[in-house]
PDB file of N, CA and C in Angstrom:
ATOM      1  N   UNK A   1     -11.276   8.137  -4.876  1.00  0.00           N
ATOM      2  CA  UNK A   1     -10.173   8.994  -4.533  1.00  0.00           C
ATOM      3  C   UNK A   1      -8.926   8.131  -4.312  1.00  0.00           C
ATOM      4  N   UNK A   2      -7.782   8.559  -4.843  1.00  0.00           N
ATOM      5  CA  UNK A   2      -6.562   7.763  -4.669  1.00  0.00           C
ATOM      6  C   UNK A   2      -6.106   7.752  -3.213  1.00  0.00           C
ATOM      7  N   UNK A   3      -5.437   6.687  -2.862  1.00  0.00           N
ATOM      8  CA  UNK A   3      -4.897   6.559  -1.509  1.00  0.00           C
ATOM      9  C   UNK A   3      -3.377   6.679  -1.593  1.00  0.00           C
ATOM     10  N   UNK A   4      -2.809   7.463  -0.701  1.00  0.00           N
ATOM     11  CA  UNK A   4      -1.373   7.660  -0.677  1.00  0.00           C
ATOM     12  C   UNK A   4      -0.810   7.074   0.607  1.00  0.00           C
ATOM     13  N   UNK A   5       0.248   6.302   0.468  1.00  0.00           N
ATOM     14  CA  UNK A   5       0.876   5.704   1.641  1.00  0.00           C
ATOM     15  C   UNK A   5       1.994   6.613   2.139  1.00  0.00           C
ATOM     16  N   UNK A   6       2.282   6.494   3.406  1.00  0.00           N
ATOM     17  CA  UNK A   6       3.375   7.238   4.029  1.00  0.00           C
ATOM     18  C   UNK A   6       4.395   6.251   4.559  1.00  0.00           C
ATOM     19  N   UNK A   7       5.660   6.638   4.484  1.00  0.00           N
ATOM     20  CA  UNK A   7       6.710   5.793   5.040  1.00  0.00           C
ATOM     21  C   UNK A   7       6.488   5.640   6.540  1.00  0.00           C
ATOM     22  N   UNK A   8       6.694   4.441   7.042  1.00  0.00           N
ATOM     23  CA  UNK A   8       6.552   4.173   8.472  1.00  0.00           C
ATOM     24  C   UNK A   8       7.913   3.769   9.031  1.00  0.00           C
ATOM     25  N   UNK A   9       8.596   4.737   9.639  1.00  0.00           N
ATOM     26  CA  UNK A   9       9.933   4.478  10.177  1.00  0.00           C
ATOM     27  C   UNK A   9       9.900   3.414  11.268  1.00  0.00           C
ATOM     28  N   UNK A  10       8.879   3.470  12.131  1.00  0.00           N
ATOM     29  CA  UNK A  10       8.792   2.508  13.233  1.00  0.00           C
ATOM     30  C   UNK A  10       8.595   1.088  12.717  1.00  0.00           C
ATOM     31  N   UNK A  11       7.671   0.922  11.777  1.00  0.00           N
ATOM     32  CA  UNK A  11       7.410  -0.412  11.229  1.00  0.00           C
ATOM     33  C   UNK A  11       8.608  -0.912  10.432  1.00  0.00           C
ATOM     34  N   UNK A  12       9.246  -0.020   9.672  1.00  0.00           N
ATOM     35  CA  UNK A  12      10.428  -0.417   8.902  1.00  0.00           C
ATOM     36  C   UNK A  12      11.531  -0.898   9.837  1.00  0.00           C
ATOM     37  N   UNK A  13      11.820  -0.135  10.884  1.00  0.00           N
ATOM     38  CA  UNK A  13      12.879  -0.517  11.828  1.00  0.00           C
ATOM     39  C   UNK A  13      12.562  -1.850  12.502  1.00  0.00           C
ATOM     40  N   UNK A  14      11.312  -2.031  12.924  1.00  0.00           N
ATOM     41  CA  UNK A  14      10.919  -3.277  13.593  1.00  0.00           C
ATOM     42  C   UNK A  14      11.064  -4.470  12.651  1.00  0.00           C
ATOM     43  N   UNK A  15      10.542  -4.358  11.434  1.00  0.00           N
ATOM     44  CA  UNK A  15      10.611  -5.484  10.495  1.00  0.00           C
ATOM     45  C   UNK A  15      12.044  -5.767  10.063  1.00  0.00           C
ATOM     46  N   UNK A  16      12.866  -4.727   9.886  1.00  0.00           N
ATOM     47  CA  UNK A  16      14.274  -4.952   9.541  1.00  0.00           C
ATOM     48  C   UNK A  16      14.984  -5.703  10.658  1.00  0.00           C
ATOM     49  N   UNK A  17      14.699  -5.316  11.904  1.00  0.00           N
ATOM     50  CA  UNK A  17      15.328  -5.981  13.049  1.00  0.00           C
ATOM     51  C   UNK A  17      14.893  -7.441  13.125  1.00  0.00           C
ATOM     52  N   UNK A  18      13.613  -7.704  12.916  1.00  0.00           N
ATOM     53  CA  UNK A  18      13.083  -9.071  13.012  1.00  0.00           C
ATOM     54  C   UNK A  18      13.539  -9.957  11.857  1.00  0.00           C
ATOM     55  N   UNK A  19      13.673  -9.383  10.651  1.00  0.00           N
ATOM     56  CA  UNK A  19      13.999 -10.196   9.477  1.00  0.00           C
ATOM     57  C   UNK A  19      15.480 -10.174   9.116  1.00  0.00           C
ATOM     58  N   UNK A  20      16.203  -9.167   9.577  1.00  0.00           N
ATOM     59  CA  UNK A  20      17.606  -9.034   9.203  1.00  0.00           C
ATOM     60  C   UNK A  20      17.800  -8.434   7.825  1.00  0.00           C
ATOM     61  N   UNK A  21      16.740  -7.975   7.191  1.00  0.00           N
ATOM     62  CA  UNK A  21      16.823  -7.405   5.845  1.00  0.00           C
ATOM     63  C   UNK A  21      16.934  -5.890   5.907  1.00  0.00           C
ATOM     64  N   UNK A  22      18.034  -5.359   5.388  1.00  0.00           N
ATOM     65  CA  UNK A  22      18.203  -3.905   5.356  1.00  0.00           C
ATOM     66  C   UNK A  22      17.505  -3.285   4.148  1.00  0.00           C
ATOM     67  N   UNK A  23      17.024  -4.116   3.223  1.00  0.00           N
ATOM     68  CA  UNK A  23      16.363  -3.621   2.016  1.00  0.00           C
ATOM     69  C   UNK A  23      14.864  -3.420   2.205  1.00  0.00           C
ATOM     70  N   UNK A  24      14.315  -3.932   3.265  1.00  0.00           N
ATOM     71  CA  UNK A  24      12.879  -3.879   3.514  1.00  0.00           C
ATOM     72  C   UNK A  24      12.441  -2.449   3.854  1.00  0.00           C
ATOM     73  N   UNK A  25      11.293  -2.041   3.312  1.00  0.00           N
ATOM     74  CA  UNK A  25      10.695  -0.745   3.637  1.00  0.00           C
ATOM     75  C   UNK A  25       9.212  -0.951   3.890  1.00  0.00           C
ATOM     76  N   UNK A  26       8.670  -0.206   4.818  1.00  0.00           N
ATOM     77  CA  UNK A  26       7.260  -0.349   5.166  1.00  0.00           C
ATOM     78  C   UNK A  26       6.550   0.992   5.022  1.00  0.00           C
ATOM     79  N   UNK A  27       5.372   0.940   4.444  1.00  0.00           N
ATOM     80  CA  UNK A  27       4.542   2.121   4.242  1.00  0.00           C
ATOM     81  C   UNK A  27       3.154   1.818   4.786  1.00  0.00           C
ATOM     82  N   UNK A  28       2.440   2.868   5.178  1.00  0.00           N
ATOM     83  CA  UNK A  28       1.109   2.661   5.726  1.00  0.00           C
ATOM     84  C   UNK A  28       0.129   3.701   5.209  1.00  0.00           C
ATOM     85  N   UNK A  29      -1.105   3.271   5.106  1.00  0.00           N
ATOM     86  CA  UNK A  29      -2.228   4.171   4.828  1.00  0.00           C
ATOM     87  C   UNK A  29      -3.223   3.967   5.958  1.00  0.00           C
ATOM     88  N   UNK A  30      -3.535   5.032   6.676  1.00  0.00           N
ATOM     89  CA  UNK A  30      -4.486   4.940   7.781  1.00  0.00           C
ATOM     90  C   UNK A  30      -5.665   5.848   7.482  1.00  0.00           C
ATOM     91  N   UNK A  31      -6.838   5.245   7.420  1.00  0.00           N
ATOM     92  CA  UNK A  31      -8.083   5.991   7.250  1.00  0.00           C
ATOM     93  C   UNK A  31      -8.737   6.063   8.628  1.00  0.00           C
ATOM     94  N   UNK A  32      -8.696   7.230   9.286  1.00  0.00           N
ATOM     95  CA  UNK A  32      -9.211   7.322  10.652  1.00  0.00           C
ATOM     96  C   UNK A  32     -10.717   7.101  10.766  1.00  0.00           C
ATOM     97  N   UNK A  33     -11.438   7.276   9.675  1.00  0.00           N
ATOM     98  CA  UNK A  33     -12.890   7.105   9.719  1.00  0.00           C
ATOM     99  C   UNK A  33     -13.339   5.702   9.331  1.00  0.00           C
ATOM    100  N   UNK A  34     -12.507   5.001   8.563  1.00  0.00           N
ATOM    101  CA  UNK A  34     -12.856   3.661   8.083  1.00  0.00           C
ATOM    102  C   UNK A  34     -11.645   2.746   8.249  1.00  0.00           C
ATOM    103  N   UNK A  35     -11.512   2.175   9.435  1.00  0.00           N
ATOM    104  CA  UNK A  35     -10.355   1.329   9.744  1.00  0.00           C
ATOM    105  C   UNK A  35     -10.181   0.200   8.732  1.00  0.00           C
ATOM    106  N   UNK A  36     -11.284  -0.316   8.203  1.00  0.00           N
ATOM    107  CA  UNK A  36     -11.208  -1.431   7.257  1.00  0.00           C
ATOM    108  C   UNK A  36     -10.506  -1.048   5.955  1.00  0.00           C
ATOM    109  N   UNK A  37     -10.335   0.241   5.697  1.00  0.00           N
ATOM    110  CA  UNK A  37      -9.640   0.699   4.499  1.00  0.00           C
ATOM    111  C   UNK A  37      -8.150   0.935   4.748  1.00  0.00           C
ATOM    112  N   UNK A  38      -7.704   0.837   5.982  1.00  0.00           N
ATOM    113  CA  UNK A  38      -6.303   1.062   6.338  1.00  0.00           C
ATOM    114  C   UNK A  38      -5.471  -0.172   6.004  1.00  0.00           C
ATOM    115  N   UNK A  39      -4.207   0.067   5.626  1.00  0.00           N
ATOM    116  CA  UNK A  39      -3.356  -1.053   5.222  1.00  0.00           C
ATOM    117  C   UNK A  39      -1.881  -0.691   5.306  1.00  0.00           C
ATOM    118  N   UNK A  40      -1.049  -1.727   5.271  1.00  0.00           N
ATOM    119  CA  UNK A  40       0.396  -1.602   5.140  1.00  0.00           C
ATOM    120  C   UNK A  40       0.800  -2.097   3.761  1.00  0.00           C
ATOM    121  N   UNK A  41       1.879  -1.531   3.233  1.00  0.00           N
ATOM    122  CA  UNK A  41       2.559  -2.064   2.061  1.00  0.00           C
ATOM    123  C   UNK A  41       4.004  -2.271   2.495  1.00  0.00           C
ATOM    124  N   UNK A  42       4.483  -3.492   2.345  1.00  0.00           N
ATOM    125  CA  UNK A  42       5.861  -3.812   2.705  1.00  0.00           C
ATOM    126  C   UNK A  42       6.607  -4.126   1.415  1.00  0.00           C
ATOM    127  N   UNK A  43       7.673  -3.372   1.181  1.00  0.00           N
ATOM    128  CA  UNK A  43       8.501  -3.557  -0.013  1.00  0.00           C
ATOM    129  C   UNK A  43       9.752  -4.323   0.394  1.00  0.00           C
ATOM    130  N   UNK A  44       9.940  -5.488  -0.225  1.00  0.00           N
ATOM    131  CA  UNK A  44      11.151  -6.270   0.012  1.00  0.00           C
ATOM    132  C   UNK A  44      12.029  -6.144  -1.226  1.00  0.00           C
ATOM    133  N   UNK A  45      13.122  -6.868  -1.268  1.00  0.00           N
ATOM    134  CA  UNK A  45      14.030  -6.768  -2.411  1.00  0.00           C
ATOM    135  C   UNK A  45      13.397  -7.242  -3.708  1.00  0.00           C
ATOM    136  N   UNK A  46      12.361  -8.092  -3.618  1.00  0.00           N
ATOM    137  CA  UNK A  46      11.793  -8.631  -4.853  1.00  0.00           C
ATOM    138  C   UNK A  46      10.270  -8.639  -4.928  1.00  0.00           C
ATOM    139  N   UNK A  47       9.573  -8.031  -3.951  1.00  0.00           N
ATOM    140  CA  UNK A  47       8.110  -8.026  -4.043  1.00  0.00           C
ATOM    141  C   UNK A  47       7.498  -6.946  -3.163  1.00  0.00           C
ATOM    142  N   UNK A  48       6.222  -6.681  -3.421  1.00  0.00           N
ATOM    143  CA  UNK A  48       5.407  -5.798  -2.587  1.00  0.00           C
ATOM    144  C   UNK A  48       4.361  -6.655  -1.893  1.00  0.00           C
ATOM    145  N   UNK A  49       4.180  -6.437  -0.601  1.00  0.00           N
ATOM    146  CA  UNK A  49       3.210  -7.202   0.178  1.00  0.00           C
ATOM    147  C   UNK A  49       2.179  -6.219   0.734  1.00  0.00           C
ATOM    148  N   UNK A  50       0.917  -6.469   0.452  1.00  0.00           N
ATOM    149  CA  UNK A  50      -0.182  -5.627   0.936  1.00  0.00           C
ATOM    150  C   UNK A  50      -0.884  -6.370   2.068  1.00  0.00           C
ATOM    151  N   UNK A  51      -1.019  -5.723   3.221  1.00  0.00           N
ATOM    152  CA  UNK A  51      -1.697  -6.330   4.366  1.00  0.00           C
ATOM    153  C   UNK A  51      -2.685  -5.309   4.926  1.00  0.00           C
ATOM    154  N   UNK A  52      -3.967  -5.636   4.856  1.00  0.00           N
ATOM    155  CA  UNK A  52      -4.966  -4.728   5.420  1.00  0.00           C
ATOM    156  C   UNK A  52      -5.000  -4.894   6.934  1.00  0.00           C
ATOM    157  N   UNK A  53      -5.402  -3.844   7.628  1.00  0.00           N
ATOM    158  CA  UNK A  53      -5.480  -3.910   9.083  1.00  0.00           C
ATOM    159  C   UNK A  53      -6.432  -5.021   9.516  1.00  0.00           C
ATOM    160  N   UNK A  54      -7.430  -5.315   8.709  1.00  0.00           N
ATOM    161  CA  UNK A  54      -8.384  -6.365   9.033  1.00  0.00           C
ATOM    162  C   UNK A  54      -7.767  -7.751   9.078  1.00  0.00           C
ATOM    163  N   UNK A  55      -6.605  -7.922   8.443  1.00  0.00           N
ATOM    164  CA  UNK A  55      -5.901  -9.207   8.438  1.00  0.00           C
ATOM    165  C   UNK A  55      -4.986  -9.366   9.652  1.00  0.00           C
ATOM    166  N   UNK A  56      -4.876  -8.320  10.464  1.00  0.00           N
ATOM    167  CA  UNK A  56      -3.933  -8.290  11.574  1.00  0.00           C
ATOM    168  C   UNK A  56      -4.691  -8.370  12.897  1.00  0.00           C
ATOM    169  N   UNK A  57      -4.206  -9.235  13.788  1.00  0.00           N
ATOM    170  CA  UNK A  57      -4.749  -9.292  15.145  1.00  0.00           C
ATOM    171  C   UNK A  57      -3.875  -8.400  16.021  1.00  0.00           C
ATOM    172  N   UNK A  58      -4.489  -7.373  16.643  1.00  0.00           N
ATOM    173  CA  UNK A  58      -3.709  -6.430  17.438  1.00  0.00           C
ATOM    174  C   UNK A  58      -4.597  -5.701  18.442  1.00  0.00           C
ATOM    175  N   UNK A  59      -3.939  -5.065  19.408  1.00  0.00           N
ATOM    176  CA  UNK A  59      -4.609  -4.225  20.403  1.00  0.00           C
ATOM    177  C   UNK A  59      -4.758  -2.836  19.787  1.00  0.00           C
ATOM    178  N   UNK A  60      -5.973  -2.402  19.558  1.00  0.00           N
ATOM    179  CA  UNK A  60      -6.223  -1.134  18.878  1.00  0.00           C
ATOM    180  C   UNK A  60      -5.676   0.086  19.617  1.00  0.00           C
ATOM    181  N   UNK A  61      -5.360  -0.049  20.881  1.00  0.00           N
ATOM    182  CA  UNK A  61      -4.826   1.063  21.669  1.00  0.00           C
ATOM    183  C   UNK A  61      -3.299   1.107  21.651  1.00  0.00           C
ATOM    184  N   UNK A  62      -2.655   0.187  20.896  1.00  0.00           N
ATOM    185  CA  UNK A  62      -1.208   0.054  20.965  1.00  0.00           C
ATOM    186  C   UNK A  62      -0.626  -0.098  19.560  1.00  0.00           C
ATOM    187  N   UNK A  63       0.082   0.945  19.069  1.00  0.00           N
ATOM    188  CA  UNK A  63       0.658   0.904  17.723  1.00  0.00           C
ATOM    189  C   UNK A  63       1.712  -0.198  17.597  1.00  0.00           C
ATOM    190  N   UNK A  64       2.501  -0.421  18.647  1.00  0.00           N
ATOM    191  CA  UNK A  64       3.506  -1.484  18.607  1.00  0.00           C
ATOM    192  C   UNK A  64       2.842  -2.841  18.389  1.00  0.00           C
ATOM    193  N   UNK A  65       1.688  -3.044  18.983  1.00  0.00           N
ATOM    194  CA  UNK A  65       0.930  -4.277  18.794  1.00  0.00           C
ATOM    195  C   UNK A  65       0.533  -4.448  17.330  1.00  0.00           C
ATOM    196  N   UNK A  66       0.191  -3.346  16.671  1.00  0.00           N
ATOM    197  CA  UNK A  66      -0.161  -3.383  15.249  1.00  0.00           C
ATOM    198  C   UNK A  66       1.039  -3.809  14.407  1.00  0.00           C
ATOM    199  N   UNK A  67       2.210  -3.253  14.712  1.00  0.00           N
ATOM    200  CA  UNK A  67       3.425  -3.599  13.966  1.00  0.00           C
ATOM    201  C   UNK A  67       3.803  -5.064  14.198  1.00  0.00           C
ATOM    202  N   UNK A  68       3.694  -5.525  15.431  1.00  0.00           N
ATOM    203  CA  UNK A  68       3.979  -6.931  15.723  1.00  0.00           C
ATOM    204  C   UNK A  68       2.989  -7.835  15.002  1.00  0.00           C
ATOM    205  N   UNK A  69       1.735  -7.423  14.939  1.00  0.00           N
ATOM    206  CA  UNK A  69       0.723  -8.177  14.204  1.00  0.00           C
ATOM    207  C   UNK A  69       1.011  -8.220  12.719  1.00  0.00           C
ATOM    208  N   UNK A  70       1.549  -7.126  12.187  1.00  0.00           N
ATOM    209  CA  UNK A  70       1.951  -7.093  10.774  1.00  0.00           C
ATOM    210  C   UNK A  70       3.016  -8.151  10.516  1.00  0.00           C
ATOM    211  N   UNK A  71       4.015  -8.213  11.384  1.00  0.00           N
ATOM    212  CA  UNK A  71       5.066  -9.223  11.238  1.00  0.00           C
ATOM    213  C   UNK A  71       4.470 -10.630  11.236  1.00  0.00           C
ATOM    214  N   UNK A  72       3.589 -10.901  12.195  1.00  0.00           N
ATOM    215  CA  UNK A  72       2.968 -12.229  12.274  1.00  0.00           C
ATOM    216  C   UNK A  72       2.155 -12.531  11.014  1.00  0.00           C
ATOM    217  N   UNK A  73       1.438 -11.546  10.508  1.00  0.00           N
ATOM    218  CA  UNK A  73       0.603 -11.759   9.321  1.00  0.00           C
ATOM    219  C   UNK A  73       1.442 -12.127   8.100  1.00  0.00           C
ATOM    220  N   UNK A  74       2.642 -11.589   8.018  1.00  0.00           N
ATOM    221  CA  UNK A  74       3.492 -11.853   6.850  1.00  0.00           C
ATOM    222  C   UNK A  74       4.360 -13.093   7.040  1.00  0.00           C
ATOM    223  N   UNK A  75       4.981 -13.232   8.202  1.00  0.00           N
ATOM    224  CA  UNK A  75       6.048 -14.219   8.361  1.00  0.00           C
ATOM    225  C   UNK A  75       5.699 -15.445   9.196  1.00  0.00           C
ATOM    226  N   UNK A  76       4.543 -15.472   9.845  1.00  0.00           N
ATOM    227  CA  UNK A  76       4.235 -16.659  10.658  1.00  0.00           C
ATOM    228  C   UNK A  76       3.059 -17.412  10.097  1.00  0.00           C
TER     229      UNK A  76
END
């Protein structure tokens, strides 16, 4: 079955603030039954970056922690 991503305004705003890039957009796919299938897609001016939730260290009870972990996974 195909997976469809949704725009993530919170993640986009956070990553734009951290990177200074107004062209960056962030999308997410969340599978509530299979967390290992959930992922982010980050679109920059010249590439697409795919980051699965499994690649991110975060507090599962805190969405902001997930977004901060996404930043670390890509830029640190």
